[in-house]
Amino acid sequence: MKVFTALLCGFFCLLSYGQARQDYVTVKKELKLMGTRFEITVVALNEEIGYINIDEAVSEIERIERIISSWNKDSETSLININAGIKPVRVSKELFDLIERSIKISEITDGAFDITYASMDEIWKFDGTMDKVPTEDEINKSVSKVGYQKIQMDKLNQTVFLPEKGMHIGFGAIGKGYAADKAKELLVSKDVRGGIINASGDLTTWGTKVTGEKWLVGIANPLSKDKVFGWLPVIESSVATSGNYEKYIVLDGEKYSHIIDPRTGFPIKGIHSVSIFAKQAELCDALATAVFIMGRDVGLHMINQINGVEAVVVDGENKVHRSSGIVFDMN
C-alpha cells in the first residue's frame, strides 16, 4: 500500500509539473549594450513578466558598463587610466576583485590575456586603411607600456595604480562575459527558471527551455557560418568564442587577424576560432582570447590542466581540435 501511494503521488506530481511547464513562455529581446549585440532570453509565466525580467537584466548590464567602460570618462576604469603615472585610484570592491581575477588569468596564460593590452598604440588598423605592415620600431613602441605585472594593487586601501604615464587597462576580452554572469546571477536570484544571456557570442545559460529540453550551442564552421561541426548541451554553464573570420586584413598576400598578442604586438595566425566552455562566462571570455593567442597545442594543453574548462579549436586549415573532456561527433 505504501509503495502504491508513493507511485500514485509521484505520478500526479509529474503530471502537475508537466501541466505547469505548459503555462510558461519564452520571451526574447535583442538590443545593443556595451557597444555590441546582446540577446536576452528568459522562460517566464507570461510575456509581461518576461519583459520585466529582461529590463532588469539590461539595467544590470548597464550598471556594469558604467564601471568598466573605457569610453565613459566618468567610469572607475577611466579614472584609473587618467591617473596613470600620477596617483592610485580608490575603486569599488567589485572592480578591484575583477582586476585581481584578470591578473590571475594573466599569470595562468603567461600574459596571453592581459587587461593592459589597452596600453598598445593602435598601429594595426582593420578598417581597410592599412597598406603595409608596421615597422619593428613601431611595434616595440606599441607594446612598451603593456604588462599586467606593472599594475599595483593595494588591497588595504582598495586602490589601483598604473605606474607609467600612457598605461591603460581595458576589459574588452572579459567585460561582456562578466556582464552576462552578473545579469544571470540577478535573474536567478529573482527565481527566473531558465534563460540565456548572449553577449555577441559570449553566452551563459541556466535552467531549461519551456519544453524541459537542454539549451544547445553549435560549433560553427568559421568558413561557412550556416554549417555546424557539432552540437553541445550547455547546462547551467557558459561558452565564449573568439574568431578571426569577421575582422582581419590582408597585406602582401598575408592574412592578419584583429586579435593581437599583447606580448609581441603582432596579430595571431594559424587559428580560425576558439570556443571555451566553463561555468562562468567571464572565464570563458578571457580564456577564448588567451587560447587563440597561445596557439592550438599550448592552449589545449593548458585547458586540459584546468578543472571544469573545455575547448574546441578550429585551426587555420579548418580542422577541429578539442580538449580531453569534449566528446561529440564533429564529422
C-alpha atoms as a PDB file:
ATOM      1  CA  MET A   1       0.000   0.000   0.000  1.00  0.00           C
ATOM      2  CA  LYS A   2       2.860   2.382   0.835  1.00  0.00           C
ATOM      3  CA  VAL A   3       4.542   1.613  -2.466  1.00  0.00           C
ATOM      4  CA  PHE A   4       1.311   2.201  -4.399  1.00  0.00           C
ATOM      5  CA  THR A   5       0.701   5.528  -2.633  1.00  0.00           C
ATOM      6  CA  ALA A   6       4.221   6.708  -3.361  1.00  0.00           C
ATOM      7  CA  LEU A   7       3.904   5.779  -7.022  1.00  0.00           C
ATOM      8  CA  LEU A   8       0.497   7.418  -7.265  1.00  0.00           C
ATOM      9  CA  CYS A   9       1.785  10.619  -5.665  1.00  0.00           C
ATOM     10  CA  GLY A  10       4.771  10.573  -7.974  1.00  0.00           C
ATOM     11  CA  PHE A  11       2.501  10.122 -10.996  1.00  0.00           C
ATOM     12  CA  PHE A  12       0.267  13.058 -10.129  1.00  0.00           C
ATOM     13  CA  CYS A  13       3.213  15.275  -9.144  1.00  0.00           C
ATOM     14  CA  LEU A  14       4.760  14.592 -12.540  1.00  0.00           C
ATOM     15  CA  LEU A  15       1.508  15.393 -14.327  1.00  0.00           C
ATOM     16  CA  SER A  16       1.155  18.609 -12.356  1.00  0.00           C
ATOM     17  CA  TYR A  17       4.743  19.566 -13.179  1.00  0.00           C
ATOM     18  CA  GLY A  18       4.188  18.860 -16.851  1.00  0.00           C
ATOM     19  CA  GLN A  19       0.997  20.922 -16.853  1.00  0.00           C
ATOM     20  CA  ALA A  20       2.773  23.802 -15.086  1.00  0.00           C
ATOM     21  CA  ARG A  21       5.517  23.815 -17.704  1.00  0.00           C
ATOM     22  CA  GLN A  22       2.935  24.363 -20.466  1.00  0.00           C
ATOM     23  CA  ASP A  23       1.945  27.660 -18.854  1.00  0.00           C
ATOM     24  CA  TYR A  24       5.426  29.103 -19.316  1.00  0.00           C
ATOM     25  CA  VAL A  25       6.522  31.070 -22.370  1.00  0.00           C
ATOM     26  CA  THR A  26       9.858  32.025 -23.905  1.00  0.00           C
ATOM     27  CA  VAL A  27      10.489  35.763 -24.146  1.00  0.00           C
ATOM     28  CA  LYS A  28      13.425  37.132 -26.142  1.00  0.00           C
ATOM     29  CA  LYS A  29      14.801  40.584 -26.814  1.00  0.00           C
ATOM     30  CA  GLU A  30      17.769  41.768 -28.859  1.00  0.00           C
ATOM     31  CA  LEU A  31      19.412  45.108 -28.146  1.00  0.00           C
ATOM     32  CA  LYS A  32      22.724  46.952 -28.228  1.00  0.00           C
ATOM     33  CA  LEU A  33      24.619  47.150 -24.945  1.00  0.00           C
ATOM     34  CA  MET A  34      28.303  47.745 -24.188  1.00  0.00           C
ATOM     35  CA  GLY A  35      28.780  48.619 -27.845  1.00  0.00           C
ATOM     36  CA  THR A  36      27.741  45.167 -29.034  1.00  0.00           C
ATOM     37  CA  ARG A  37      24.700  42.983 -29.658  1.00  0.00           C
ATOM     38  CA  PHE A  38      23.068  41.348 -26.649  1.00  0.00           C
ATOM     39  CA  GLU A  39      20.253  38.818 -26.913  1.00  0.00           C
ATOM     40  CA  ILE A  40      18.437  38.041 -23.661  1.00  0.00           C
ATOM     41  CA  THR A  41      16.073  35.082 -23.444  1.00  0.00           C
ATOM     42  CA  VAL A  42      14.004  34.135 -20.396  1.00  0.00           C
ATOM     43  CA  VAL A  43      11.447  31.454 -19.526  1.00  0.00           C
ATOM     44  CA  ALA A  44       8.583  33.245 -17.761  1.00  0.00           C
ATOM     45  CA  LEU A  45       4.960  32.800 -16.681  1.00  0.00           C
ATOM     46  CA  ASN A  46       3.847  35.264 -19.348  1.00  0.00           C
ATOM     47  CA  GLU A  47       5.235  37.855 -21.767  1.00  0.00           C
ATOM     48  CA  GLU A  48       4.708  40.802 -19.425  1.00  0.00           C
ATOM     49  CA  ILE A  49       6.760  39.207 -16.636  1.00  0.00           C
ATOM     50  CA  GLY A  50       9.351  38.077 -19.173  1.00  0.00           C
ATOM     51  CA  TYR A  51       9.925  41.594 -20.471  1.00  0.00           C
ATOM     52  CA  ILE A  52      10.148  42.920 -16.901  1.00  0.00           C
ATOM     53  CA  ASN A  53      12.848  40.314 -16.209  1.00  0.00           C
ATOM     54  CA  ILE A  54      14.716  41.322 -19.366  1.00  0.00           C
ATOM     55  CA  ASP A  55      14.579  45.008 -18.393  1.00  0.00           C
ATOM     56  CA  GLU A  56      16.091  44.091 -15.014  1.00  0.00           C
ATOM     57  CA  ALA A  57      18.913  42.239 -16.771  1.00  0.00           C
ATOM     58  CA  VAL A  58      19.512  45.226 -19.057  1.00  0.00           C
ATOM     59  CA  SER A  59      19.752  47.569 -16.060  1.00  0.00           C
ATOM     60  CA  GLU A  60      22.364  45.285 -14.500  1.00  0.00           C
ATOM     61  CA  ILE A  61      24.427  45.171 -17.704  1.00  0.00           C
ATOM     62  CA  GLU A  62      24.270  48.973 -17.963  1.00  0.00           C
ATOM     63  CA  ARG A  63      25.422  49.211 -14.338  1.00  0.00           C
ATOM     64  CA  ILE A  64      28.448  47.042 -15.133  1.00  0.00           C
ATOM     65  CA  GLU A  65      29.224  49.153 -18.199  1.00  0.00           C
ATOM     66  CA  ARG A  66      29.276  52.319 -16.101  1.00  0.00           C
ATOM     67  CA  ILE A  67      32.034  50.715 -14.008  1.00  0.00           C
ATOM     68  CA  ILE A  68      34.252  49.095 -16.639  1.00  0.00           C
ATOM     69  CA  SER A  69      33.776  51.237 -19.751  1.00  0.00           C
ATOM     70  CA  SER A  70      36.932  52.864 -21.118  1.00  0.00           C
ATOM     71  CA  TRP A  71      34.779  55.195 -23.244  1.00  0.00           C
ATOM     72  CA  ASN A  72      32.879  56.706 -20.321  1.00  0.00           C
ATOM     73  CA  LYS A  73      35.255  59.311 -18.850  1.00  0.00           C
ATOM     74  CA  ASP A  74      33.453  59.109 -15.507  1.00  0.00           C
ATOM     75  CA  SER A  75      33.812  55.340 -15.075  1.00  0.00           C
ATOM     76  CA  GLU A  76      36.111  53.896 -12.443  1.00  0.00           C
ATOM     77  CA  THR A  77      38.191  52.321 -15.199  1.00  0.00           C
ATOM     78  CA  SER A  78      38.662  55.661 -16.951  1.00  0.00           C
ATOM     79  CA  LEU A  79      39.717  57.272 -13.663  1.00  0.00           C
ATOM     80  CA  ILE A  80      42.412  54.610 -13.265  1.00  0.00           C
ATOM     81  CA  ASN A  81      43.639  55.285 -16.810  1.00  0.00           C
ATOM     82  CA  ILE A  82      43.531  59.083 -16.463  1.00  0.00           C
ATOM     83  CA  ASN A  83      45.637  58.862 -13.307  1.00  0.00           C
ATOM     84  CA  ALA A  84      48.274  56.534 -14.771  1.00  0.00           C
ATOM     85  CA  GLY A  85      51.716  57.679 -13.618  1.00  0.00           C
ATOM     86  CA  ILE A  86      50.086  60.203 -11.271  1.00  0.00           C
ATOM     87  CA  LYS A  87      48.358  58.561  -8.320  1.00  0.00           C
ATOM     88  CA  PRO A  88      46.492  55.437  -7.159  1.00  0.00           C
ATOM     89  CA  VAL A  89      42.711  55.452  -7.524  1.00  0.00           C
ATOM     90  CA  ARG A  90      40.337  54.048  -4.941  1.00  0.00           C
ATOM     91  CA  VAL A  91      37.747  51.815  -6.624  1.00  0.00           C
ATOM     92  CA  SER A  92      34.750  49.705  -5.685  1.00  0.00           C
ATOM     93  CA  LYS A  93      35.345  46.215  -4.354  1.00  0.00           C
ATOM     94  CA  GLU A  94      33.617  44.873  -7.446  1.00  0.00           C
ATOM     95  CA  LEU A  95      36.125  46.426  -9.837  1.00  0.00           C
ATOM     96  CA  PHE A  96      39.084  45.689  -7.548  1.00  0.00           C
ATOM     97  CA  ASP A  97      38.107  41.997  -7.489  1.00  0.00           C
ATOM     98  CA  LEU A  98      37.607  41.888 -11.279  1.00  0.00           C
ATOM     99  CA  ILE A  99      41.101  43.310 -11.824  1.00  0.00           C
ATOM    100  CA  GLU A 100      42.564  40.807  -9.351  1.00  0.00           C
ATOM    101  CA  ARG A 101      40.895  37.918 -11.194  1.00  0.00           C
ATOM    102  CA  SER A 102      42.137  39.334 -14.507  1.00  0.00           C
ATOM    103  CA  ILE A 103      45.711  39.373 -13.206  1.00  0.00           C
ATOM    104  CA  LYS A 104      45.384  35.743 -12.091  1.00  0.00           C
ATOM    105  CA  ILE A 105      44.239  34.756 -15.591  1.00  0.00           C
ATOM    106  CA  SER A 106      47.233  36.658 -16.989  1.00  0.00           C
ATOM    107  CA  GLU A 107      49.531  34.626 -14.747  1.00  0.00           C
ATOM    108  CA  ILE A 108      47.916  31.336 -15.826  1.00  0.00           C
ATOM    109  CA  THR A 109      48.168  32.231 -19.512  1.00  0.00           C
ATOM    110  CA  ASP A 110      51.678  33.705 -19.313  1.00  0.00           C
ATOM    111  CA  GLY A 111      50.382  37.107 -20.399  1.00  0.00           C
ATOM    112  CA  ALA A 112      48.395  35.946 -23.430  1.00  0.00           C
ATOM    113  CA  PHE A 113      45.443  37.520 -21.655  1.00  0.00           C
ATOM    114  CA  ASP A 114      46.323  40.964 -20.308  1.00  0.00           C
ATOM    115  CA  ILE A 115      43.993  43.862 -19.498  1.00  0.00           C
ATOM    116  CA  THR A 116      46.901  46.299 -20.049  1.00  0.00           C
ATOM    117  CA  TYR A 117      46.651  45.442 -23.764  1.00  0.00           C
ATOM    118  CA  ALA A 118      44.756  48.767 -23.900  1.00  0.00           C
ATOM    119  CA  SER A 119      48.147  50.487 -23.497  1.00  0.00           C
ATOM    120  CA  MET A 120      49.115  49.471 -27.038  1.00  0.00           C
ATOM    121  CA  ASP A 121      49.222  52.204 -29.650  1.00  0.00           C
ATOM    122  CA  GLU A 122      46.743  51.380 -32.385  1.00  0.00           C
ATOM    123  CA  ILE A 123      49.231  50.809 -35.165  1.00  0.00           C
ATOM    124  CA  TRP A 124      47.186  47.987 -36.694  1.00  0.00           C
ATOM    125  CA  LYS A 125      44.060  49.219 -38.489  1.00  0.00           C
ATOM    126  CA  PHE A 126      41.352  46.818 -39.606  1.00  0.00           C
ATOM    127  CA  ASP A 127      39.189  49.336 -41.434  1.00  0.00           C
ATOM    128  CA  GLY A 128      40.857  48.939 -44.841  1.00  0.00           C
ATOM    129  CA  THR A 129      43.202  51.918 -44.472  1.00  0.00           C
ATOM    130  CA  MET A 130      46.451  49.963 -43.857  1.00  0.00           C
ATOM    131  CA  ASP A 131      48.703  49.315 -46.845  1.00  0.00           C
ATOM    132  CA  LYS A 132      51.842  47.967 -45.131  1.00  0.00           C
ATOM    133  CA  VAL A 133      52.973  46.064 -42.030  1.00  0.00           C
ATOM    134  CA  PRO A 134      54.158  48.291 -39.146  1.00  0.00           C
ATOM    135  CA  THR A 135      57.915  48.517 -38.615  1.00  0.00           C
ATOM    136  CA  GLU A 136      59.695  46.695 -35.792  1.00  0.00           C
ATOM    137  CA  ASP A 137      60.288  50.001 -34.004  1.00  0.00           C
ATOM    138  CA  GLU A 138      56.606  50.913 -34.239  1.00  0.00           C
ATOM    139  CA  ILE A 139      55.607  47.535 -32.803  1.00  0.00           C
ATOM    140  CA  ASN A 140      58.163  47.693 -29.969  1.00  0.00           C
ATOM    141  CA  LYS A 141      56.950  51.164 -29.027  1.00  0.00           C
ATOM    142  CA  SER A 142      53.339  49.972 -29.181  1.00  0.00           C
ATOM    143  CA  VAL A 143      53.843  47.259 -26.536  1.00  0.00           C
ATOM    144  CA  SER A 144      56.310  49.165 -24.330  1.00  0.00           C
ATOM    145  CA  LYS A 145      53.703  50.013 -21.694  1.00  0.00           C
ATOM    146  CA  VAL A 146      51.926  46.648 -21.733  1.00  0.00           C
ATOM    147  CA  GLY A 147      52.419  44.314 -18.770  1.00  0.00           C
ATOM    148  CA  TYR A 148      49.940  43.071 -16.176  1.00  0.00           C
ATOM    149  CA  GLN A 149      52.849  42.747 -13.705  1.00  0.00           C
ATOM    150  CA  LYS A 150      53.076  46.543 -13.581  1.00  0.00           C
ATOM    151  CA  ILE A 151      49.576  47.004 -12.117  1.00  0.00           C
ATOM    152  CA  GLN A 152      49.888  47.958  -8.440  1.00  0.00           C
ATOM    153  CA  MET A 153      47.041  46.708  -6.249  1.00  0.00           C
ATOM    154  CA  ASP A 154      46.630  47.909  -2.663  1.00  0.00           C
ATOM    155  CA  LYS A 155      44.114  45.619  -1.002  1.00  0.00           C
ATOM    156  CA  LEU A 156      44.085  47.504   2.299  1.00  0.00           C
ATOM    157  CA  ASN A 157      43.174  50.847   0.703  1.00  0.00           C
ATOM    158  CA  GLN A 158      41.385  49.212  -2.258  1.00  0.00           C
ATOM    159  CA  THR A 159      43.353  51.246  -4.793  1.00  0.00           C
ATOM    160  CA  VAL A 160      44.704  50.541  -8.261  1.00  0.00           C
ATOM    161  CA  PHE A 161      47.740  52.304  -9.727  1.00  0.00           C
ATOM    162  CA  LEU A 162      49.229  52.211 -13.220  1.00  0.00           C
ATOM    163  CA  PRO A 163      52.797  53.445 -12.631  1.00  0.00           C
ATOM    164  CA  GLU A 164      53.604  54.652 -16.170  1.00  0.00           C
ATOM    165  CA  LYS A 165      52.000  57.558 -17.990  1.00  0.00           C
ATOM    166  CA  GLY A 166      50.187  56.265 -21.039  1.00  0.00           C
ATOM    167  CA  MET A 167      49.334  52.913 -19.429  1.00  0.00           C
ATOM    168  CA  HIS A 168      45.724  51.838 -19.752  1.00  0.00           C
ATOM    169  CA  ILE A 169      43.570  48.905 -18.779  1.00  0.00           C
ATOM    170  CA  GLY A 170      40.569  47.667 -20.747  1.00  0.00           C
ATOM    171  CA  PHE A 171      38.042  44.882 -20.316  1.00  0.00           C
ATOM    172  CA  GLY A 172      37.306  44.136 -23.962  1.00  0.00           C
ATOM    173  CA  ALA A 173      38.305  40.494 -23.549  1.00  0.00           C
ATOM    174  CA  ILE A 174      36.459  39.805 -20.295  1.00  0.00           C
ATOM    175  CA  GLY A 175      33.833  42.510 -19.760  1.00  0.00           C
ATOM    176  CA  LYS A 176      30.993  41.047 -21.839  1.00  0.00           C
ATOM    177  CA  GLY A 177      31.353  37.703 -20.100  1.00  0.00           C
ATOM    178  CA  TYR A 178      31.368  39.346 -16.687  1.00  0.00           C
ATOM    179  CA  ALA A 179      28.248  41.360 -17.524  1.00  0.00           C
ATOM    180  CA  ALA A 180      26.481  38.207 -18.752  1.00  0.00           C
ATOM    181  CA  ASP A 181      27.338  36.416 -15.494  1.00  0.00           C
ATOM    182  CA  LYS A 182      26.026  39.282 -13.380  1.00  0.00           C
ATOM    183  CA  ALA A 183      22.781  39.542 -15.369  1.00  0.00           C
ATOM    184  CA  LYS A 184      22.246  35.797 -14.993  1.00  0.00           C
ATOM    185  CA  GLU A 185      23.016  35.980 -11.264  1.00  0.00           C
ATOM    186  CA  LEU A 186      20.391  38.703 -10.856  1.00  0.00           C
ATOM    187  CA  LEU A 187      17.684  36.796 -12.749  1.00  0.00           C
ATOM    188  CA  VAL A 188      18.388  33.553 -10.896  1.00  0.00           C
ATOM    189  CA  SER A 189      18.031  35.466  -7.604  1.00  0.00           C
ATOM    190  CA  LYS A 190      14.581  36.547  -8.801  1.00  0.00           C
ATOM    191  CA  ASP A 191      13.555  32.918  -9.469  1.00  0.00           C
ATOM    192  CA  VAL A 192      13.563  33.208 -13.259  1.00  0.00           C
ATOM    193  CA  ARG A 193      13.506  29.493 -14.059  1.00  0.00           C
ATOM    194  CA  GLY A 194      15.581  29.473 -17.235  1.00  0.00           C
ATOM    195  CA  GLY A 195      17.226  31.595 -19.880  1.00  0.00           C
ATOM    196  CA  ILE A 196      20.219  32.660 -21.919  1.00  0.00           C
ATOM    197  CA  ILE A 197      22.279  35.843 -21.808  1.00  0.00           C
ATOM    198  CA  ASN A 198      24.056  36.048 -25.169  1.00  0.00           C
ATOM    199  CA  ALA A 199      26.618  38.841 -25.391  1.00  0.00           C
ATOM    200  CA  SER A 200      27.524  38.712 -29.063  1.00  0.00           C
ATOM    201  CA  GLY A 201      28.568  35.058 -28.843  1.00  0.00           C
ATOM    202  CA  ASP A 202      29.671  35.041 -25.205  1.00  0.00           C
ATOM    203  CA  LEU A 203      26.741  33.332 -23.554  1.00  0.00           C
ATOM    204  CA  THR A 204      25.638  31.820 -20.275  1.00  0.00           C
ATOM    205  CA  THR A 205      22.585  29.688 -19.541  1.00  0.00           C
ATOM    206  CA  TRP A 206      20.549  28.358 -16.664  1.00  0.00           C
ATOM    207  CA  GLY A 207      17.527  26.088 -16.332  1.00  0.00           C
ATOM    208  CA  THR A 208      15.993  24.589 -19.469  1.00  0.00           C
ATOM    209  CA  LYS A 209      13.738  25.508 -22.358  1.00  0.00           C
ATOM    210  CA  VAL A 210       9.960  25.683 -21.815  1.00  0.00           C
ATOM    211  CA  THR A 211       9.794  22.098 -23.098  1.00  0.00           C
ATOM    212  CA  GLY A 212      12.306  20.922 -20.491  1.00  0.00           C
ATOM    213  CA  GLU A 213      14.940  20.330 -23.183  1.00  0.00           C
ATOM    214  CA  LYS A 214      18.544  21.402 -22.668  1.00  0.00           C
ATOM    215  CA  TRP A 215      19.922  24.552 -24.244  1.00  0.00           C
ATOM    216  CA  LEU A 216      22.240  23.589 -27.114  1.00  0.00           C
ATOM    217  CA  VAL A 217      25.108  25.506 -28.685  1.00  0.00           C
ATOM    218  CA  GLY A 218      26.546  24.739 -32.109  1.00  0.00           C
ATOM    219  CA  ILE A 219      30.235  24.843 -33.027  1.00  0.00           C
ATOM    220  CA  ALA A 220      30.091  26.725 -36.321  1.00  0.00           C
ATOM    221  CA  ASN A 221      32.370  26.284 -39.310  1.00  0.00           C
ATOM    222  CA  PRO A 222      34.258  29.619 -39.481  1.00  0.00           C
ATOM    223  CA  LEU A 223      34.355  29.410 -43.289  1.00  0.00           C
ATOM    224  CA  SER A 224      30.639  28.738 -43.608  1.00  0.00           C
ATOM    225  CA  LYS A 225      28.504  30.009 -40.749  1.00  0.00           C
ATOM    226  CA  ASP A 226      25.414  28.111 -41.866  1.00  0.00           C
ATOM    227  CA  LYS A 227      27.262  24.838 -41.272  1.00  0.00           C
ATOM    228  CA  VAL A 228      27.843  23.380 -37.802  1.00  0.00           C
ATOM    229  CA  PHE A 229      30.569  20.926 -36.805  1.00  0.00           C
ATOM    230  CA  GLY A 230      28.534  19.633 -33.859  1.00  0.00           C
ATOM    231  CA  TRP A 231      26.137  20.489 -31.041  1.00  0.00           C
ATOM    232  CA  LEU A 232      26.854  20.570 -27.326  1.00  0.00           C
ATOM    233  CA  PRO A 233      24.400  20.906 -24.424  1.00  0.00           C
ATOM    234  CA  VAL A 234      25.099  23.935 -22.227  1.00  0.00           C
ATOM    235  CA  ILE A 235      23.647  23.101 -18.819  1.00  0.00           C
ATOM    236  CA  GLU A 236      23.961  25.765 -16.101  1.00  0.00           C
ATOM    237  CA  SER A 237      27.084  26.762 -17.967  1.00  0.00           C
ATOM    238  CA  SER A 238      28.691  29.220 -20.396  1.00  0.00           C
ATOM    239  CA  VAL A 239      30.548  29.399 -23.690  1.00  0.00           C
ATOM    240  CA  ALA A 240      32.548  32.092 -25.484  1.00  0.00           C
ATOM    241  CA  THR A 241      34.138  32.142 -28.927  1.00  0.00           C
ATOM    242  CA  SER A 242      37.000  34.180 -30.365  1.00  0.00           C
ATOM    243  CA  GLY A 243      37.414  34.156 -34.143  1.00  0.00           C
ATOM    244  CA  ASN A 244      39.368  35.811 -36.939  1.00  0.00           C
ATOM    245  CA  TYR A 245      36.734  35.401 -39.623  1.00  0.00           C
ATOM    246  CA  GLU A 246      34.928  38.718 -39.161  1.00  0.00           C
ATOM    247  CA  LYS A 247      37.724  41.247 -38.696  1.00  0.00           C
ATOM    248  CA  TYR A 248      41.058  40.921 -40.492  1.00  0.00           C
ATOM    249  CA  ILE A 249      43.256  42.485 -43.162  1.00  0.00           C
ATOM    250  CA  VAL A 250      45.377  41.059 -45.985  1.00  0.00           C
ATOM    251  CA  LEU A 251      48.784  42.636 -46.653  1.00  0.00           C
ATOM    252  CA  ASP A 252      51.151  41.290 -49.332  1.00  0.00           C
ATOM    253  CA  GLY A 253      49.064  38.132 -49.526  1.00  0.00           C
ATOM    254  CA  GLU A 254      49.240  37.501 -45.748  1.00  0.00           C
ATOM    255  CA  LYS A 255      46.103  37.446 -43.600  1.00  0.00           C
ATOM    256  CA  TYR A 256      46.341  39.264 -40.242  1.00  0.00           C
ATOM    257  CA  SER A 257      43.732  38.718 -37.512  1.00  0.00           C
ATOM    258  CA  HIS A 258      42.408  41.579 -35.375  1.00  0.00           C
ATOM    259  CA  ILE A 259      43.416  39.527 -32.306  1.00  0.00           C
ATOM    260  CA  ILE A 260      46.851  40.816 -31.326  1.00  0.00           C
ATOM    261  CA  ASP A 261      49.312  39.202 -28.928  1.00  0.00           C
ATOM    262  CA  PRO A 262      49.842  41.829 -26.184  1.00  0.00           C
ATOM    263  CA  ARG A 263      53.313  40.417 -25.552  1.00  0.00           C
ATOM    264  CA  THR A 264      54.598  40.920 -29.110  1.00  0.00           C
ATOM    265  CA  GLY A 265      52.265  43.411 -30.771  1.00  0.00           C
ATOM    266  CA  PHE A 266      51.705  41.056 -33.717  1.00  0.00           C
ATOM    267  CA  PRO A 267      48.351  39.666 -34.905  1.00  0.00           C
ATOM    268  CA  ILE A 268      47.830  35.924 -34.452  1.00  0.00           C
ATOM    269  CA  LYS A 269      47.974  33.454 -37.335  1.00  0.00           C
ATOM    270  CA  GLY A 270      47.094  29.780 -37.679  1.00  0.00           C
ATOM    271  CA  ILE A 271      43.722  29.656 -35.885  1.00  0.00           C
ATOM    272  CA  HIS A 272      40.226  30.409 -37.156  1.00  0.00           C
ATOM    273  CA  SER A 273      38.315  30.180 -33.884  1.00  0.00           C
ATOM    274  CA  VAL A 274      38.423  29.089 -30.254  1.00  0.00           C
ATOM    275  CA  SER A 275      35.344  28.168 -28.182  1.00  0.00           C
ATOM    276  CA  ILE A 276      35.676  27.784 -24.421  1.00  0.00           C
ATOM    277  CA  PHE A 277      33.154  26.032 -22.163  1.00  0.00           C
ATOM    278  CA  ALA A 278      33.101  26.679 -18.412  1.00  0.00           C
ATOM    279  CA  LYS A 279      30.765  27.558 -15.571  1.00  0.00           C
ATOM    280  CA  GLN A 280      31.334  31.303 -15.826  1.00  0.00           C
ATOM    281  CA  ALA A 281      31.088  33.418 -18.970  1.00  0.00           C
ATOM    282  CA  GLU A 282      33.783  35.722 -17.571  1.00  0.00           C
ATOM    283  CA  LEU A 283      36.343  32.909 -17.579  1.00  0.00           C
ATOM    284  CA  CYS A 284      35.183  31.672 -20.998  1.00  0.00           C
ATOM    285  CA  ASP A 285      35.562  35.164 -22.457  1.00  0.00           C
ATOM    286  CA  ALA A 286      39.107  35.623 -21.148  1.00  0.00           C
ATOM    287  CA  LEU A 287      40.359  32.123 -21.986  1.00  0.00           C
ATOM    288  CA  ALA A 288      38.939  32.180 -25.529  1.00  0.00           C
ATOM    289  CA  THR A 289      41.199  35.129 -26.306  1.00  0.00           C
ATOM    290  CA  ALA A 290      44.127  33.608 -24.419  1.00  0.00           C
ATOM    291  CA  VAL A 291      43.989  30.221 -26.177  1.00  0.00           C
ATOM    292  CA  PHE A 292      43.678  31.949 -29.557  1.00  0.00           C
ATOM    293  CA  ILE A 293      46.902  33.816 -28.781  1.00  0.00           C
ATOM    294  CA  MET A 294      48.719  30.864 -27.181  1.00  0.00           C
ATOM    295  CA  GLY A 295      48.058  28.630 -30.168  1.00  0.00           C
ATOM    296  CA  ARG A 296      46.422  25.243 -30.605  1.00  0.00           C
ATOM    297  CA  ASP A 297      48.862  22.922 -28.839  1.00  0.00           C
ATOM    298  CA  VAL A 298      49.932  25.139 -25.936  1.00  0.00           C
ATOM    299  CA  GLY A 299      46.397  26.424 -25.454  1.00  0.00           C
ATOM    300  CA  LEU A 300      44.760  22.984 -25.361  1.00  0.00           C
ATOM    301  CA  HIS A 301      47.474  21.671 -23.038  1.00  0.00           C
ATOM    302  CA  MET A 302      46.673  24.492 -20.625  1.00  0.00           C
ATOM    303  CA  ILE A 303      42.920  23.888 -20.847  1.00  0.00           C
ATOM    304  CA  ASN A 304      43.439  20.197 -20.079  1.00  0.00           C
ATOM    305  CA  GLN A 305      45.042  21.205 -16.762  1.00  0.00           C
ATOM    306  CA  ILE A 306      42.064  23.311 -15.608  1.00  0.00           C
ATOM    307  CA  ASN A 307      39.147  21.515 -13.978  1.00  0.00           C
ATOM    308  CA  GLY A 308      35.728  22.338 -15.376  1.00  0.00           C
ATOM    309  CA  VAL A 309      37.015  24.042 -18.527  1.00  0.00           C
ATOM    310  CA  GLU A 310      36.898  22.637 -22.076  1.00  0.00           C
ATOM    311  CA  ALA A 311      37.823  23.981 -25.502  1.00  0.00           C
ATOM    312  CA  VAL A 312      37.200  23.455 -29.205  1.00  0.00           C
ATOM    313  CA  VAL A 313      39.800  24.940 -31.565  1.00  0.00           C
ATOM    314  CA  VAL A 314      39.378  25.297 -35.333  1.00  0.00           C
ATOM    315  CA  ASP A 315      42.831  25.726 -36.865  1.00  0.00           C
ATOM    316  CA  GLY A 316      43.923  27.596 -39.993  1.00  0.00           C
ATOM    317  CA  GLU A 317      43.166  24.561 -42.154  1.00  0.00           C
ATOM    318  CA  ASN A 318      39.641  24.347 -40.726  1.00  0.00           C
ATOM    319  CA  LYS A 319      40.455  21.193 -38.747  1.00  0.00           C
ATOM    320  CA  VAL A 320      38.733  20.764 -35.400  1.00  0.00           C
ATOM    321  CA  HIS A 321      40.694  20.030 -32.218  1.00  0.00           C
ATOM    322  CA  ARG A 322      39.226  19.584 -28.742  1.00  0.00           C
ATOM    323  CA  SER A 323      40.260  19.307 -25.128  1.00  0.00           C
ATOM    324  CA  SER A 324      40.070  15.948 -23.382  1.00  0.00           C
ATOM    325  CA  GLY A 325      36.584  16.436 -21.927  1.00  0.00           C
ATOM    326  CA  ILE A 326      34.799  17.285 -25.201  1.00  0.00           C
ATOM    327  CA  VAL A 327      33.038  14.194 -26.520  1.00  0.00           C
ATOM    328  CA  PHE A 328      30.874  14.570 -29.631  1.00  0.00           C
ATOM    329  CA  ASP A 329      30.957  13.712 -33.321  1.00  0.00           C
ATOM    330  CA  MET A 330      32.343  16.587 -35.363  1.00  0.00           C
ATOM    331  CA  ASN A 331      32.307  14.928 -38.766  1.00  0.00           C
END
